[in-house]
Protein backbone atom coordinates (compact mmCIF):
# COMPACT_ATOMS: atom_id res chain seq x y z
CA MET A 1 242.31 -5.01 161.91
CA GLN A 2 240.75 -8.19 163.59
CA THR A 3 241.45 -9.46 167.08
CA VAL A 4 242.15 -13.19 167.31
CA LYS A 5 242.10 -15.22 170.55
CA PHE A 6 243.77 -18.66 170.92
CA ALA A 7 245.15 -20.80 173.56
CA MET A 8 248.84 -21.56 173.82
CA THR A 9 251.02 -23.05 176.61
CA VAL A 10 254.92 -22.63 176.47
CA SER A 11 256.81 -24.78 179.00
CA PRO A 12 260.08 -23.69 180.65
CA ASP A 13 262.02 -25.89 178.20
CA GLY A 14 260.52 -24.23 175.27
CA GLU A 15 257.93 -26.98 174.23
CA ILE A 16 254.80 -25.22 172.75
CA SER A 17 251.26 -26.72 172.77
CA VAL A 18 248.42 -24.98 171.12
CA SER A 19 244.79 -25.28 170.24
CA THR A 20 244.05 -27.15 167.06
CA ASP A 21 242.53 -24.19 165.23
CA ARG A 22 244.61 -22.76 162.35
CA VAL A 23 245.37 -19.45 164.07
CA GLY A 24 246.82 -21.16 166.96
CA ARG A 25 249.14 -23.15 164.79
CA ILE A 26 250.30 -20.04 162.92
CA ALA A 27 250.94 -18.18 166.16
CA SER A 28 252.92 -21.24 167.66
CA LYS A 29 255.17 -20.78 164.39
CA ILE A 30 255.90 -17.25 165.34
CA VAL A 31 256.50 -18.08 169.08
CA ALA A 32 258.79 -20.99 168.08
CA GLU A 33 260.98 -18.55 165.90
CA PHE A 34 261.16 -16.13 168.79
CA LEU A 35 262.26 -18.88 171.14
CA LYS A 36 264.96 -20.16 168.74
CA LYS A 37 266.56 -16.96 169.11
CA LYS A 38 267.31 -17.55 172.82
CA THR A 39 270.18 -19.64 173.95
CA LEU A 40 269.25 -22.49 176.41
CA MET A 41 272.21 -22.94 178.78
CA LEU A 42 273.28 -26.04 180.45
CA PRO A 43 272.44 -25.92 184.27
CA GLY A 44 276.03 -26.14 185.50
CA GLY A 45 276.55 -26.60 189.24
CA MET A 46 278.01 -24.94 192.28
CA ILE A 47 281.08 -25.27 194.35
CA VAL A 48 281.00 -24.43 198.07
CA MET A 49 284.42 -24.32 199.78
CA SER A 50 286.29 -22.41 202.63
CA THR A 51 288.98 -19.82 202.39
CA ASP A 52 290.35 -21.30 205.66
CA VAL A 53 293.55 -23.48 204.92
CA ASN A 54 293.02 -26.77 206.37
CA ALA A 55 294.68 -29.52 203.96
CA GLU A 56 298.26 -28.58 204.71
CA VAL A 57 298.43 -27.26 208.30
CA GLY A 58 300.72 -29.31 210.41
CA LYS A 59 301.43 -29.18 213.95
CA GLY A 60 303.43 -26.44 215.86
CA PHE A 61 303.46 -22.65 215.87
CA LEU A 62 305.29 -22.30 212.44
CA SER A 63 302.77 -24.33 210.61
CA TRP A 64 299.90 -22.64 212.32
CA ALA A 65 301.30 -19.31 211.30
CA LYS A 66 301.95 -20.35 207.67
CA GLY A 67 298.30 -21.51 207.74
CA PHE A 68 296.91 -18.39 209.31
CA MET A 69 298.68 -15.97 206.77
CA LYS A 70 297.59 -18.23 203.88
CA THR A 71 293.92 -18.03 205.06
CA TRP A 72 293.90 -14.22 205.14
CA PHE A 73 295.56 -14.27 201.67
CA ASN A 74 292.73 -16.46 200.45
CA ARG A 75 290.00 -14.50 202.25
CA PHE A 76 291.36 -11.14 200.57
CA MET A 77 292.04 -12.60 197.05
CA LYS A 78 289.34 -15.17 196.73
CA ASN A 79 287.37 -13.43 193.92
CA ARG A 80 290.59 -12.77 191.80
CA MET A 81 291.86 -16.31 192.40
CA VAL A 82 288.58 -18.02 191.24
CA ASP A 83 287.99 -15.63 188.38
CA GLU A 84 291.64 -16.31 187.02
CA GLU A 85 291.23 -20.09 187.23
CA ILE A 86 287.73 -20.36 185.87
CA GLU A 87 288.63 -17.85 183.00
CA LYS A 88 291.67 -19.95 181.92
CA MET A 89 289.63 -22.97 181.95
CA VAL A 90 286.69 -21.47 180.05
CA ILE A 91 289.00 -20.00 177.23
CA ASP A 92 290.75 -23.50 176.98
CA ARG A 93 287.58 -25.13 176.22
CA GLY A 94 285.90 -22.54 174.35
CA LEU A 95 282.82 -22.32 176.41
CA GLU A 96 280.25 -19.38 176.76
CA THR A 97 279.43 -19.18 180.46
CA GLY A 98 279.03 -17.05 183.55
CA TRP A 99 279.71 -17.50 187.18
CA SER A 100 279.09 -15.78 190.53
CA VAL A 101 281.20 -15.82 193.69
CA GLY A 102 279.56 -15.01 196.89
CA ASN A 103 279.92 -15.31 200.71
CA LEU A 104 277.74 -17.87 202.34
CA PHE A 105 278.06 -18.42 206.10
CA ARG A 106 279.93 -20.28 208.83
CA GLY A 107 280.13 -23.70 207.75
CA ARG A 108 280.68 -26.92 209.83
CA PHE A 109 282.75 -29.76 208.57
CA ILE A 110 283.91 -33.02 210.21
CA SER A 111 286.81 -34.58 208.34
CA PRO A 112 286.31 -38.41 207.86
CA LYS A 113 290.16 -38.68 207.44
CA SER A 114 291.40 -37.00 210.71
CA GLY A 115 288.16 -36.97 212.60
CA GLU A 116 288.74 -33.17 213.28
CA SER A 117 285.87 -30.68 213.31
CA PHE A 118 286.03 -27.50 211.33
CA THR A 119 284.06 -24.27 211.74
CA GLU A 120 285.00 -21.95 208.77
CA LYS A 121 283.67 -19.20 206.61
CA SER A 122 282.67 -20.51 203.29
CA PHE A 123 281.84 -19.13 199.94
CA ALA A 124 280.18 -20.45 196.77
CA ILE A 125 280.93 -20.35 193.06
CA ASP A 126 277.76 -20.80 190.97
CA ILE A 127 278.77 -21.69 187.31
CA ARG A 128 276.06 -21.68 184.59
CA GLY A 129 276.07 -22.75 180.94
CA VAL A 130 278.75 -25.56 181.35
CA PRO A 131 278.63 -29.34 181.67
CA PHE A 132 278.94 -30.66 185.03
CA ASP A 133 282.33 -32.36 184.49
CA PHE A 134 283.70 -28.65 183.98
CA VAL A 135 282.30 -27.84 187.43
CA GLU A 136 284.16 -30.86 188.78
CA LYS A 137 287.47 -30.06 187.19
CA ALA A 138 287.16 -26.34 188.33
CA ALA A 139 286.44 -27.65 191.91
CA GLU A 140 289.42 -29.76 191.89
CA THR A 141 291.62 -27.04 190.57
CA LEU A 142 290.29 -24.67 193.27
CA ARG A 143 290.51 -27.09 196.07
CA ARG A 144 294.26 -27.37 195.40
CA LYS A 145 294.78 -23.68 194.95
CA PHE A 146 292.98 -22.88 198.29
CA LYS A 147 294.62 -25.78 199.96
CA GLN A 148 291.33 -27.48 200.93
CA GLU A 149 290.87 -31.17 201.99
CA SER A 150 287.57 -31.23 200.32
CA VAL A 151 284.71 -29.13 198.70
CA LEU A 152 281.06 -29.42 198.44
CA LEU A 153 279.56 -29.81 194.88
CA VAL A 154 275.95 -29.34 193.67
CA ASN A 155 274.85 -30.57 190.37
CA HIS A 156 272.09 -28.26 189.20
CA ALA A 157 270.89 -30.77 186.40
CA ASN A 158 269.85 -33.35 188.91
CA ASN A 159 270.03 -31.46 192.33
CA LYS A 160 272.55 -34.03 193.81
CA THR A 161 275.12 -32.89 196.34
CA PHE A 162 278.48 -34.54 197.09
CA TYR A 163 282.03 -33.91 198.36
CA LEU A 164 284.99 -33.82 196.24
CA ASP A 165 288.31 -34.71 198.17
């Protein structure tokens, strides 16, 4: 058996560059075959939103009480609600993806529509392996389901952040 040394670089996107010698070219073919078996997923995006109902809360005690009850329902059922909605969308579009739901922190938001300031608990849904238009559609569906005025979106492909309202 003989030991062979060569220089090879594999970038994160799977591009291979090797030294020009014959052994390096052979080794790069072997590594390229191995890398073909790995599936490169689309970067997807993240949805950041609150469980606190703010879009439909009116004035008066009755409206406040309804909003309070819906907020606690959202907090208790958020994982199930998110999973059901995203799973339906994934099955409808025939996508192979994964997502995570996690708590973040107390968020602050000032509504440009009403001028009101909100301090609320927020959570994030990180969806990978899908085009960003899927993330936007999921955000709109969840925004309505959680009765939110707006949600924050992060596009992992270009690292841009914006509100969806």
